[in-house]
Protein backbone atom coordinates (compact mmCIF):
# COMPACT_ATOMS: atom_id res chain seq x y z
CA LEU A 1 66.86 52.57 3.90
CA ASN A 2 66.43 55.22 1.35
CA TYR A 3 63.02 55.66 -0.28
CA LYS A 4 64.58 55.25 -3.68
CA ASP A 5 66.19 51.94 -2.61
CA MET A 6 62.94 50.55 -1.24
CA ASN A 7 61.11 47.64 -2.79
CA THR A 8 58.80 48.97 -5.58
CA ASN A 9 55.70 47.41 -4.11
CA VAL A 10 56.32 48.98 -0.71
CA ARG A 11 56.83 52.43 -2.33
CA ILE A 12 53.59 51.98 -4.18
CA MET A 13 51.79 50.97 -0.94
CA ILE A 14 53.19 54.16 0.77
CA GLU A 15 52.01 56.34 -2.07
CA GLU A 16 48.61 54.72 -2.19
CA HIS A 17 48.25 55.02 1.57
CA ALA A 18 49.20 58.67 1.40
CA ASN A 19 46.65 59.18 -1.37
CA ALA A 20 43.95 57.42 0.50
CA LEU A 21 44.50 59.74 3.52
CA LYS A 22 44.30 62.74 1.26
CA ARG A 23 41.00 61.44 -0.26
CA ILE A 24 39.56 60.79 3.20
CA ASN A 25 40.30 64.38 4.24
CA ALA A 26 39.04 65.94 0.96
CA ASN A 27 35.81 63.89 0.93
CA THR A 28 35.14 64.43 4.66
CA ALA A 29 35.39 68.18 4.18
CA TYR A 30 33.10 67.92 1.12
CA PHE A 31 30.68 65.73 3.05
CA ASN A 32 30.60 68.14 6.03
CA ASN A 33 29.78 71.02 3.72
CA ALA A 34 27.26 68.92 1.61
CA VAL A 35 25.03 67.93 4.55
CA LYS A 36 24.62 71.67 5.36
CA ASN A 37 23.86 72.60 1.74
CA ASP A 38 20.26 72.13 0.53
CA LYS A 39 21.48 72.12 -3.05
CA VAL A 40 23.41 68.81 -2.49
CA SER A 41 21.03 65.88 -2.66
CA LYS A 42 20.96 63.33 0.23
CA ILE A 43 21.84 60.64 -2.30
CA THR A 44 25.04 62.50 -3.14
CA ALA A 45 25.94 63.02 0.52
CA ALA A 46 25.27 59.27 1.12
CA ASN A 47 27.48 58.33 -1.82
CA ILE A 48 30.33 60.50 -0.43
CA ALA A 49 29.91 58.72 2.96
CA LEU A 50 30.32 55.42 1.20
CA LEU A 51 33.54 56.69 -0.44
CA ILE A 52 34.82 57.83 2.92
CA ARG A 53 34.11 54.44 4.53
CA ASP A 54 35.91 52.66 1.66
CA TYR A 55 38.86 54.94 1.67
CA LYS A 56 39.19 54.36 5.47
CA ASN A 57 39.12 50.58 4.87
CA LEU A 58 41.71 50.92 2.11
CA ALA A 59 43.92 53.02 4.38
CA LYS A 60 43.59 50.39 7.16
CA THR A 61 44.34 47.61 4.81
CA LEU A 62 47.50 49.43 3.50
CA GLU A 63 48.66 50.10 7.03
CA THR A 64 48.48 46.38 7.71
CA CYS A 65 50.37 45.50 4.56
CA LEU A 66 52.96 48.15 5.35
CA HIS A 67 53.30 46.78 8.87
CA ASN A 68 53.78 43.27 7.44
CA GLU A 69 56.56 44.75 5.30
CA GLY A 70 58.22 46.27 8.36
CA ILE A 71 57.00 49.87 7.66
CA GLU A 72 55.30 51.86 10.36
CA PHE A 73 53.10 54.88 9.85
CA THR A 74 52.69 57.76 12.29
CA PRO A 75 49.55 60.07 12.41
CA ASP A 76 51.64 63.01 11.47
CA GLY A 77 52.33 61.39 8.04
CA LYS A 78 55.70 59.84 8.64
CA TYR A 79 56.74 56.36 7.54
CA TYR A 80 59.57 54.43 9.28
CA GLU A 81 61.19 51.15 8.60
CA ASN A 82 61.16 48.79 11.59
CA VAL A 83 64.74 47.47 11.61
CA ALA A 84 64.74 45.60 14.95
CA GLU A 85 62.52 44.70 17.92
CA ILE A 86 64.12 44.41 21.28
CA ASN A 87 62.44 42.16 23.88
CA THR A 88 63.56 43.23 27.30
CA SER A 89 61.37 40.80 29.21
CA LYS A 90 63.07 37.97 30.96
CA LYS A 91 61.62 34.52 30.77
CA ASN A 92 61.77 32.26 33.80
CA GLY A 93 63.05 28.95 33.08
């Protein structure tokens, strides 16, 4: 299935998931620098930590939604459509 031919809602979820991961990385880098910088208030650092938590929750929710739509995500940033599942176990009976 070509990305252009994909359901619009699924395309949006993929884009939102990719954006959430980018925001996690950017905010984590900022947070790691902020906690070492006396010029950044502890309140600001705590707020960034809250954002990171929420972006991680959003990413996890989107991964679940994508999985429900038959789309799998790999840690290296690739998305695949699950076209079939082969069950090789034999049932007795």
